[in-house]
C-alpha atoms as a PDB file:
ATOM      1  CA  UNK A   1      -0.002  -0.054   0.076  1.00  0.00           C
ATOM      2  CA  UNK A   2       1.267   3.428  -0.940  1.00  0.00           C
ATOM      3  CA  UNK A   3       0.415   6.327   1.416  1.00  0.00           C
ATOM      4  CA  UNK A   4      -0.202   9.710   0.023  1.00  0.00           C
ATOM      5  CA  UNK A   5      -0.564  12.647   2.433  1.00  0.00           C
ATOM      6  CA  UNK A   6      -2.906  14.672   0.335  1.00  0.00           C
ATOM      7  CA  UNK A   7      -1.824  16.280  -2.853  1.00  0.00           C
ATOM      8  CA  UNK A   8      -1.888  20.091  -2.835  1.00  0.00           C
ATOM      9  CA  UNK A   9      -2.028  20.154   0.851  1.00  0.00           C
ATOM     10  CA  UNK A  10       0.748  20.744   3.452  1.00  0.00           C
ATOM     11  CA  UNK A  11       1.438  17.694   5.742  1.00  0.00           C
ATOM     12  CA  UNK A  12       2.378  17.455   9.305  1.00  0.00           C
ATOM     13  CA  UNK A  13       5.102  15.215  10.653  1.00  0.00           C
ATOM     14  CA  UNK A  14       5.272  13.856  14.187  1.00  0.00           C
ATOM     15  CA  UNK A  15       7.897  11.627  15.616  1.00  0.00           C
ATOM     16  CA  UNK A  16       7.667   9.857  19.197  1.00  0.00           C
ATOM     17  CA  UNK A  17      10.654   8.031  20.508  1.00  0.00           C
ATOM     18  CA  UNK A  18      12.061   6.999  17.146  1.00  0.00           C
ATOM     19  CA  UNK A  19      14.879   4.522  17.219  1.00  0.00           C
ATOM     20  CA  UNK A  20      16.450   3.175  14.114  1.00  0.00           C
ATOM     21  CA  UNK A  21      19.158   0.561  14.141  1.00  0.00           C
ATOM     22  CA  UNK A  22      21.174  -1.039  11.288  1.00  0.00           C
ATOM     23  CA  UNK A  23      22.335  -4.362  12.680  1.00  0.00           C
ATOM     24  CA  UNK A  24      24.262  -3.507  15.953  1.00  0.00           C
ATOM     25  CA  UNK A  25      24.534   0.100  14.928  1.00  0.00           C
ATOM     26  CA  UNK A  26      22.091   2.600  16.536  1.00  0.00           C
ATOM     27  CA  UNK A  27      21.890   5.702  14.172  1.00  0.00           C
ATOM     28  CA  UNK A  28      18.867   7.419  16.039  1.00  0.00           C
ATOM     29  CA  UNK A  29      17.673   6.739  19.464  1.00  0.00           C
ATOM     30  CA  UNK A  30      14.750   8.515  21.146  1.00  0.00           C
ATOM     31  CA  UNK A  31      14.094  11.070  18.465  1.00  0.00           C
ATOM     32  CA  UNK A  32      11.011  13.333  19.308  1.00  0.00           C
ATOM     33  CA  UNK A  33       9.903  16.152  17.047  1.00  0.00           C
ATOM     34  CA  UNK A  34       6.728  17.875  15.718  1.00  0.00           C
ATOM     35  CA  UNK A  35       6.776  19.549  12.248  1.00  0.00           C
ATOM     36  CA  UNK A  36       3.596  21.560  11.585  1.00  0.00           C
ATOM     37  CA  UNK A  37       1.706  21.815   8.405  1.00  0.00           C
ATOM     38  CA  UNK A  38       3.317  24.552   6.097  1.00  0.00           C
ATOM     39  CA  UNK A  39       6.437  24.874   8.492  1.00  0.00           C
ATOM     40  CA  UNK A  40       9.907  25.244   7.292  1.00  0.00           C
ATOM     41  CA  UNK A  41      12.155  23.298   9.690  1.00  0.00           C
ATOM     42  CA  UNK A  42      15.832  22.629   9.521  1.00  0.00           C
ATOM     43  CA  UNK A  43      17.593  19.585  11.147  1.00  0.00           C
ATOM     44  CA  UNK A  44      21.250  20.525  11.792  1.00  0.00           C
ATOM     45  CA  UNK A  45      24.015  18.326  13.348  1.00  0.00           C
ATOM     46  CA  UNK A  46      27.170  16.691  12.658  1.00  0.00           C
ATOM     47  CA  UNK A  47      27.816  14.155  10.004  1.00  0.00           C
ATOM     48  CA  UNK A  48      26.567  10.736  10.796  1.00  0.00           C
ATOM     49  CA  UNK A  49      23.891  12.020  13.473  1.00  0.00           C
ATOM     50  CA  UNK A  50      20.891  10.521  11.737  1.00  0.00           C
ATOM     51  CA  UNK A  51      19.480  13.526   9.733  1.00  0.00           C
ATOM     52  CA  UNK A  52      19.374  11.823   6.571  1.00  0.00           C
ATOM     53  CA  UNK A  53      18.176   8.692   8.037  1.00  0.00           C
ATOM     54  CA  UNK A  54      15.179  10.604   9.658  1.00  0.00           C
ATOM     55  CA  UNK A  55      14.327  12.017   6.205  1.00  0.00           C
ATOM     56  CA  UNK A  56      14.296   8.650   4.517  1.00  0.00           C
ATOM     57  CA  UNK A  57      12.057   7.373   7.550  1.00  0.00           C
ATOM     58  CA  UNK A  58       9.769  10.313   7.361  1.00  0.00           C
ATOM     59  CA  UNK A  59       9.588   9.516   3.518  1.00  0.00           C
ATOM     60  CA  UNK A  60       8.548   6.085   4.449  1.00  0.00           C
ATOM     61  CA  UNK A  61      11.638   4.689   2.330  1.00  0.00           C
ATOM     62  CA  UNK A  62      12.870   2.912   5.495  1.00  0.00           C
ATOM     63  CA  UNK A  63      10.972   1.535   8.365  1.00  0.00           C
ATOM     64  CA  UNK A  64      11.490   2.945  11.998  1.00  0.00           C
ATOM     65  CA  UNK A  65      12.972   0.127  14.303  1.00  0.00           C
ATOM     66  CA  UNK A  66      10.894   1.474  17.275  1.00  0.00           C
ATOM     67  CA  UNK A  67       8.732   4.360  18.012  1.00  0.00           C
ATOM     68  CA  UNK A  68       5.963   6.091  16.239  1.00  0.00           C
ATOM     69  CA  UNK A  69       6.088   8.197  13.101  1.00  0.00           C
ATOM     70  CA  UNK A  70       2.937   9.913  11.900  1.00  0.00           C
ATOM     71  CA  UNK A  71       2.026  11.830   9.004  1.00  0.00           C
ATOM     72  CA  UNK A  72      -1.008  14.074   9.340  1.00  0.00           C
ATOM     73  CA  UNK A  73      -1.775  12.030  12.568  1.00  0.00           C
ATOM     74  CA  UNK A  74      -1.617   8.690  10.611  1.00  0.00           C
ATOM     75  CA  UNK A  75       0.947   6.198  11.304  1.00  0.00           C
ATOM     76  CA  UNK A  76       3.499   5.803   8.453  1.00  0.00           C
ATOM     77  CA  UNK A  77       3.899   2.325   7.396  1.00  0.00           C
ATOM     78  CA  UNK A  78       4.742   2.479   3.719  1.00  0.00           C
ATOM     79  CA  UNK A  79       6.313   4.914   1.187  1.00  0.00           C
ATOM     80  CA  UNK A  80       4.764   8.387   0.659  1.00  0.00           C
ATOM     81  CA  UNK A  81       4.181   9.273  -2.745  1.00  0.00           C
ATOM     82  CA  UNK A  82       3.041  12.965  -2.157  1.00  0.00           C
ATOM     83  CA  UNK A  83       6.451  14.195  -1.400  1.00  0.00           C
ATOM     84  CA  UNK A  84       9.183  15.913  -3.459  1.00  0.00           C
ATOM     85  CA  UNK A  85      12.901  15.205  -2.623  1.00  0.00           C
ATOM     86  CA  UNK A  86      15.905  17.131  -3.275  1.00  0.00           C
ATOM     87  CA  UNK A  87      19.420  15.615  -2.797  1.00  0.00           C
ATOM     88  CA  UNK A  88      22.825  17.151  -2.866  1.00  0.00           C
ATOM     89  CA  UNK A  89      23.373  15.536  -6.087  1.00  0.00           C
ATOM     90  CA  UNK A  90      20.893  16.846  -8.634  1.00  0.00           C
ATOM     91  CA  UNK A  91      20.501  13.328 -10.332  1.00  0.00           C
ATOM     92  CA  UNK A  92      19.555  14.661 -13.656  1.00  0.00           C
ATOM     93  CA  UNK A  93      19.438  12.401 -16.646  1.00  0.00           C
ATOM     94  CA  UNK A  94      22.217  13.743 -18.978  1.00  0.00           C
ATOM     95  CA  UNK A  95      20.286  12.600 -22.141  1.00  0.00           C
ATOM     96  CA  UNK A  96      17.231  14.822 -21.089  1.00  0.00           C
ATOM     97  CA  UNK A  97      16.858  18.464 -21.454  1.00  0.00           C
ATOM     98  CA  UNK A  98      16.121  20.578 -18.241  1.00  0.00           C
ATOM     99  CA  UNK A  99      12.525  20.825 -18.932  1.00  0.00           C
ATOM    100  CA  UNK A 100      12.403  17.036 -19.995  1.00  0.00           C
ATOM    101  CA  UNK A 101      14.047  16.129 -16.913  1.00  0.00           C
ATOM    102  CA  UNK A 102      11.387  17.893 -14.855  1.00  0.00           C
ATOM    103  CA  UNK A 103       8.624  16.422 -16.849  1.00  0.00           C
ATOM    104  CA  UNK A 104       9.911  12.901 -16.221  1.00  0.00           C
ATOM    105  CA  UNK A 105       8.281  13.186 -12.741  1.00  0.00           C
ATOM    106  CA  UNK A 106       4.947  13.902 -14.497  1.00  0.00           C
ATOM    107  CA  UNK A 107       5.281  11.171 -16.850  1.00  0.00           C
ATOM    108  CA  UNK A 108       6.136   8.542 -14.071  1.00  0.00           C
ATOM    109  CA  UNK A 109       2.976   9.847 -12.125  1.00  0.00           C
ATOM    110  CA  UNK A 110       1.005   9.817 -15.341  1.00  0.00           C
ATOM    111  CA  UNK A 111      -0.086  13.513 -14.822  1.00  0.00           C
ATOM    112  CA  UNK A 112      -1.673  15.418 -17.781  1.00  0.00           C
ATOM    113  CA  UNK A 113       1.479  16.577 -19.743  1.00  0.00           C
ATOM    114  CA  UNK A 114       0.460  20.129 -21.070  1.00  0.00           C
ATOM    115  CA  UNK A 115      -0.528  21.419 -17.406  1.00  0.00           C
ATOM    116  CA  UNK A 116       2.481  19.793 -16.285  1.00  0.00           C
ATOM    117  CA  UNK A 117       4.676  21.633 -19.000  1.00  0.00           C
ATOM    118  CA  UNK A 118       2.967  24.921 -18.060  1.00  0.00           C
ATOM    119  CA  UNK A 119       3.697  24.502 -14.389  1.00  0.00           C
ATOM    120  CA  UNK A 120       7.347  23.420 -14.976  1.00  0.00           C
ATOM    121  CA  UNK A 121       7.749  26.646 -17.212  1.00  0.00           C
ATOM    122  CA  UNK A 122       6.317  28.512 -14.336  1.00  0.00           C
ATOM    123  CA  UNK A 123       8.723  27.086 -11.898  1.00  0.00           C
ATOM    124  CA  UNK A 124      11.465  27.732 -14.184  1.00  0.00           C
ATOM    125  CA  UNK A 125      10.731  31.321 -14.214  1.00  0.00           C
ATOM    126  CA  UNK A 126      10.451  31.688 -10.563  1.00  0.00           C
ATOM    127  CA  UNK A 127      13.625  30.063 -10.131  1.00  0.00           C
ATOM    128  CA  UNK A 128      15.449  32.242 -12.778  1.00  0.00           C
ATOM    129  CA  UNK A 129      16.197  29.470 -15.256  1.00  0.00           C
ATOM    130  CA  UNK A 130      13.607  30.041 -18.199  1.00  0.00           C
ATOM    131  CA  UNK A 131      16.544  30.375 -20.521  1.00  0.00           C
ATOM    132  CA  UNK A 132      17.824  27.023 -19.546  1.00  0.00           C
ATOM    133  CA  UNK A 133      14.614  24.823 -20.326  1.00  0.00           C
ATOM    134  CA  UNK A 134      16.136  23.384 -23.522  1.00  0.00           C
ATOM    135  CA  UNK A 135      19.558  22.878 -22.228  1.00  0.00           C
ATOM    136  CA  UNK A 136      21.091  19.573 -21.364  1.00  0.00           C
ATOM    137  CA  UNK A 137      22.694  19.292 -17.730  1.00  0.00           C
ATOM    138  CA  UNK A 138      26.142  19.310 -18.935  1.00  0.00           C
ATOM    139  CA  UNK A 139      25.432  22.709 -20.242  1.00  0.00           C
ATOM    140  CA  UNK A 140      24.108  24.043 -16.872  1.00  0.00           C
ATOM    141  CA  UNK A 141      26.068  25.481 -14.033  1.00  0.00           C
ATOM    142  CA  UNK A 142      25.700  23.639 -10.641  1.00  0.00           C
ATOM    143  CA  UNK A 143      23.345  26.131  -9.332  1.00  0.00           C
ATOM    144  CA  UNK A 144      21.028  25.770 -12.320  1.00  0.00           C
ATOM    145  CA  UNK A 145      21.194  22.204 -12.271  1.00  0.00           C
ATOM    146  CA  UNK A 146      19.955  22.477  -8.607  1.00  0.00           C
ATOM    147  CA  UNK A 147      17.255  24.753  -9.568  1.00  0.00           C
ATOM    148  CA  UNK A 148      15.952  22.087 -12.036  1.00  0.00           C
ATOM    149  CA  UNK A 149      15.987  19.615  -9.346  1.00  0.00           C
ATOM    150  CA  UNK A 150      13.923  21.986  -7.221  1.00  0.00           C
ATOM    151  CA  UNK A 151      11.314  22.346  -9.896  1.00  0.00           C
ATOM    152  CA  UNK A 152      11.418  18.427 -10.594  1.00  0.00           C
ATOM    153  CA  UNK A 153      10.622  18.055  -6.655  1.00  0.00           C
ATOM    154  CA  UNK A 154       7.707  20.582  -6.896  1.00  0.00           C
ATOM    155  CA  UNK A 155       6.131  19.760 -10.324  1.00  0.00           C
ATOM    156  CA  UNK A 156       3.291  17.357  -8.742  1.00  0.00           C
ATOM    157  CA  UNK A 157       2.502  19.792  -6.004  1.00  0.00           C
ATOM    158  CA  UNK A 158       3.497  17.871  -3.221  1.00  0.00           C
ATOM    159  CA  UNK A 159       2.435  18.191   0.614  1.00  0.00           C
ATOM    160  CA  UNK A 160       5.996  17.887   1.779  1.00  0.00           C
ATOM    161  CA  UNK A 161       9.320  19.081   0.258  1.00  0.00           C
ATOM    162  CA  UNK A 162      12.418  16.940   1.702  1.00  0.00           C
ATOM    163  CA  UNK A 163      15.844  18.615   1.009  1.00  0.00           C
ATOM    164  CA  UNK A 164      19.227  16.836   1.990  1.00  0.00           C
ATOM    165  CA  UNK A 165      22.017  19.153   1.954  1.00  0.00           C
ATOM    166  CA  UNK A 166      20.657  20.587  -1.334  1.00  0.00           C
ATOM    167  CA  UNK A 167      23.282  23.563  -1.520  1.00  0.00           C
ATOM    168  CA  UNK A 168      26.203  21.787  -0.159  1.00  0.00           C
ATOM    169  CA  UNK A 169      28.207  21.771  -3.502  1.00  0.00           C
ATOM    170  CA  UNK A 170      27.463  25.295  -4.432  1.00  0.00           C
ATOM    171  CA  UNK A 171      29.710  28.468  -3.947  1.00  0.00           C
ATOM    172  CA  UNK A 172      28.675  31.034  -1.459  1.00  0.00           C
ATOM    173  CA  UNK A 173      27.177  33.559  -3.822  1.00  0.00           C
ATOM    174  CA  UNK A 174      25.099  30.953  -5.720  1.00  0.00           C
ATOM    175  CA  UNK A 175      23.763  29.453  -2.179  1.00  0.00           C
ATOM    176  CA  UNK A 176      22.627  32.959  -1.200  1.00  0.00           C
ATOM    177  CA  UNK A 177      20.623  33.558  -4.339  1.00  0.00           C
ATOM    178  CA  UNK A 178      19.025  30.076  -4.413  1.00  0.00           C
ATOM    179  CA  UNK A 179      18.388  30.252  -0.586  1.00  0.00           C
ATOM    180  CA  UNK A 180      16.608  33.473  -1.448  1.00  0.00           C
ATOM    181  CA  UNK A 181      14.620  31.823  -4.620  1.00  0.00           C
ATOM    182  CA  UNK A 182      13.711  28.795  -2.383  1.00  0.00           C
ATOM    183  CA  UNK A 183      12.138  30.988   0.305  1.00  0.00           C
ATOM    184  CA  UNK A 184      10.058  32.997  -2.234  1.00  0.00           C
ATOM    185  CA  UNK A 185       8.813  29.720  -3.648  1.00  0.00           C
ATOM    186  CA  UNK A 186       7.986  28.452   0.070  1.00  0.00           C
ATOM    187  CA  UNK A 187       6.235  31.587   0.813  1.00  0.00           C
ATOM    188  CA  UNK A 188       4.037  31.345  -2.255  1.00  0.00           C
ATOM    189  CA  UNK A 189       3.141  27.463  -1.784  1.00  0.00           C
ATOM    190  CA  UNK A 190       2.950  27.032   1.935  1.00  0.00           C
ATOM    191  CA  UNK A 191       4.586  23.547   1.615  1.00  0.00           C
ATOM    192  CA  UNK A 192       5.964  21.569   4.624  1.00  0.00           C
ATOM    193  CA  UNK A 193       9.464  21.651   4.224  1.00  0.00           C
ATOM    194  CA  UNK A 194      12.174  19.420   5.997  1.00  0.00           C
ATOM    195  CA  UNK A 195      15.674  20.831   5.188  1.00  0.00           C
ATOM    196  CA  UNK A 196      18.988  19.054   6.190  1.00  0.00           C
ATOM    197  CA  UNK A 197      22.005  20.887   6.629  1.00  0.00           C
ATOM    198  CA  UNK A 198      25.392  21.333   8.117  1.00  0.00           C
ATOM    199  CA  UNK A 199      25.409  25.396   7.483  1.00  0.00           C
ATOM    200  CA  UNK A 200      24.225  27.413  10.600  1.00  0.00           C
ATOM    201  CA  UNK A 201      23.574  30.264   8.178  1.00  0.00           C
ATOM    202  CA  UNK A 202      21.452  28.292   5.983  1.00  0.00           C
ATOM    203  CA  UNK A 203      19.384  26.918   8.786  1.00  0.00           C
ATOM    204  CA  UNK A 204      18.691  30.272  10.378  1.00  0.00           C
ATOM    205  CA  UNK A 205      18.243  32.037   7.148  1.00  0.00           C
ATOM    206  CA  UNK A 206      15.557  29.605   5.854  1.00  0.00           C
ATOM    207  CA  UNK A 207      13.818  28.194   8.800  1.00  0.00           C
ATOM    208  CA  UNK A 208      10.689  28.821  11.087  1.00  0.00           C
ATOM    209  CA  UNK A 209      12.595  26.540  13.542  1.00  0.00           C
ATOM    210  CA  UNK A 210      15.948  24.725  13.619  1.00  0.00           C
ATOM    211  CA  UNK A 211      16.203  21.270  15.396  1.00  0.00           C
ATOM    212  CA  UNK A 212      19.705  20.766  16.573  1.00  0.00           C
ATOM    213  CA  UNK A 213      20.823  17.102  16.794  1.00  0.00           C
ATOM    214  CA  UNK A 214      23.290  15.350  18.984  1.00  0.00           C
ATOM    215  CA  UNK A 215      26.116  13.070  17.507  1.00  0.00           C
ATOM    216  CA  UNK A 216      25.292   9.468  16.915  1.00  0.00           C
ATOM    217  CA  UNK A 217      22.902   7.934  18.035  1.00  0.00           C
ATOM    218  CA  UNK A 218      20.986  11.203  16.904  1.00  0.00           C
ATOM    219  CA  UNK A 219      18.252  12.834  18.919  1.00  0.00           C
ATOM    220  CA  UNK A 220      17.044  16.468  19.063  1.00  0.00           C
ATOM    221  CA  UNK A 221      18.862  18.354  21.734  1.00  0.00           C
ATOM    222  CA  UNK A 222      17.569  21.919  21.116  1.00  0.00           C
ATOM    223  CA  UNK A 223      14.839  23.622  19.373  1.00  0.00           C
ATOM    224  CA  UNK A 224      15.116  27.248  18.244  1.00  0.00           C
ATOM    225  CA  UNK A 225      12.280  29.311  17.009  1.00  0.00           C
ATOM    226  CA  UNK A 226      13.553  31.848  14.344  1.00  0.00           C
ATOM    227  CA  UNK A 227      11.739  35.251  14.430  1.00  0.00           C
ATOM    228  CA  UNK A 228      13.455  37.172  11.582  1.00  0.00           C
ATOM    229  CA  UNK A 229      11.554  39.085   8.883  1.00  0.00           C
ATOM    230  CA  UNK A 230      10.488  37.379   5.858  1.00  0.00           C
ATOM    231  CA  UNK A 231      11.657  37.512   3.175  1.00  0.00           C
ATOM    232  CA  UNK A 232      14.865  37.011   4.959  1.00  0.00           C
ATOM    233  CA  UNK A 233      17.684  39.584   4.267  1.00  0.00           C
ATOM    234  CA  UNK A 234      20.971  38.548   2.295  1.00  0.00           C
ATOM    235  CA  UNK A 235      22.989  39.955   5.331  1.00  0.00           C
ATOM    236  CA  UNK A 236      21.689  37.987   8.326  1.00  0.00           C
ATOM    237  CA  UNK A 237      24.484  39.374  10.450  1.00  0.00           C
ATOM    238  CA  UNK A 238      22.707  42.764  10.587  1.00  0.00           C
ATOM    239  CA  UNK A 239      20.212  41.245  12.968  1.00  0.00           C
ATOM    240  CA  UNK A 240      21.291  40.698  16.442  1.00  0.00           C
ATOM    241  CA  UNK A 241      18.864  37.773  16.867  1.00  0.00           C
ATOM    242  CA  UNK A 242      21.026  35.758  14.034  1.00  0.00           C
ATOM    243  CA  UNK A 243      24.072  36.072  16.159  1.00  0.00           C
ATOM    244  CA  UNK A 244      21.924  35.127  19.173  1.00  0.00           C
ATOM    245  CA  UNK A 245      20.806  31.983  17.357  1.00  0.00           C
ATOM    246  CA  UNK A 246      24.301  31.172  15.848  1.00  0.00           C
ATOM    247  CA  UNK A 247      25.949  31.174  19.241  1.00  0.00           C
ATOM    248  CA  UNK A 248      23.334  28.927  20.610  1.00  0.00           C
ATOM    249  CA  UNK A 249      23.812  26.328  17.990  1.00  0.00           C
ATOM    250  CA  UNK A 250      27.705  26.740  18.343  1.00  0.00           C
ATOM    251  CA  UNK A 251      27.314  26.263  22.209  1.00  0.00           C
ATOM    252  CA  UNK A 252      25.215  22.903  21.753  1.00  0.00           C
ATOM    253  CA  UNK A 253      27.948  21.512  19.286  1.00  0.00           C
ATOM    254  CA  UNK A 254      30.580  22.487  21.774  1.00  0.00           C
ATOM    255  CA  UNK A 255      28.890  20.801  24.686  1.00  0.00           C
ATOM    256  CA  UNK A 256      28.833  17.429  22.521  1.00  0.00           C
ATOM    257  CA  UNK A 257      32.495  17.989  21.397  1.00  0.00           C
ATOM    258  CA  UNK A 258      31.367  18.386  17.971  1.00  0.00           C
ATOM    259  CA  UNK A 259      33.552  21.617  17.826  1.00  0.00           C
ATOM    260  CA  UNK A 260      36.456  22.566  20.157  1.00  0.00           C
ATOM    261  CA  UNK A 261      37.565  26.036  20.600  1.00  0.00           C
END
């Protein structure tokens, strides 16, 4: 059975005492969280702390070992189809144009192609890549490829957008611009977003809340509500609260020995 959270809506995600083991290794232990419908939430923590593992569980791609994972209040026991996922690697097919890569999602889902094409071109315009629709991935910059992957993840109007280090391979200037583009899309669509990152600036710059995770086995050790104006400014350091939030995340990492200075 495939579970759909409700196309065109924004789903909530709830975890209670989640444990995930792989053989004798415990990746996540006692993970508790609530992600509200339409909320932008970042998970930040050291490598190997279970951030990506949680995302895969929340997508229904791997089962929890123990605990309870709910989507819109219903137990998640099989894969969600009503989600969009963006990974660090764009995963575009080299033999298809940018537009064709996005429409592949519509083809697989048997969506009407003409409305899907119109939606894809609309997303391209909002992401600033209208000129790239007929180009192949090898003709695109890294930032443009990642924008295509975001359009592909949104073409079917999912209720949840999951993003796993999507800007990790991009340069600082491109990351700032694409962060803004993503925020504007989110403000327009109201999707629930689960954003995994190692970047404190990205987490604060995009999120309604930041969940700080401990080293393995992962669990949430701090929850920070981000109260900065939206759209967020490019120069976050101009706001005293940004530095307060950043120091709080650094302090958590120091307590757990993730950073030492």
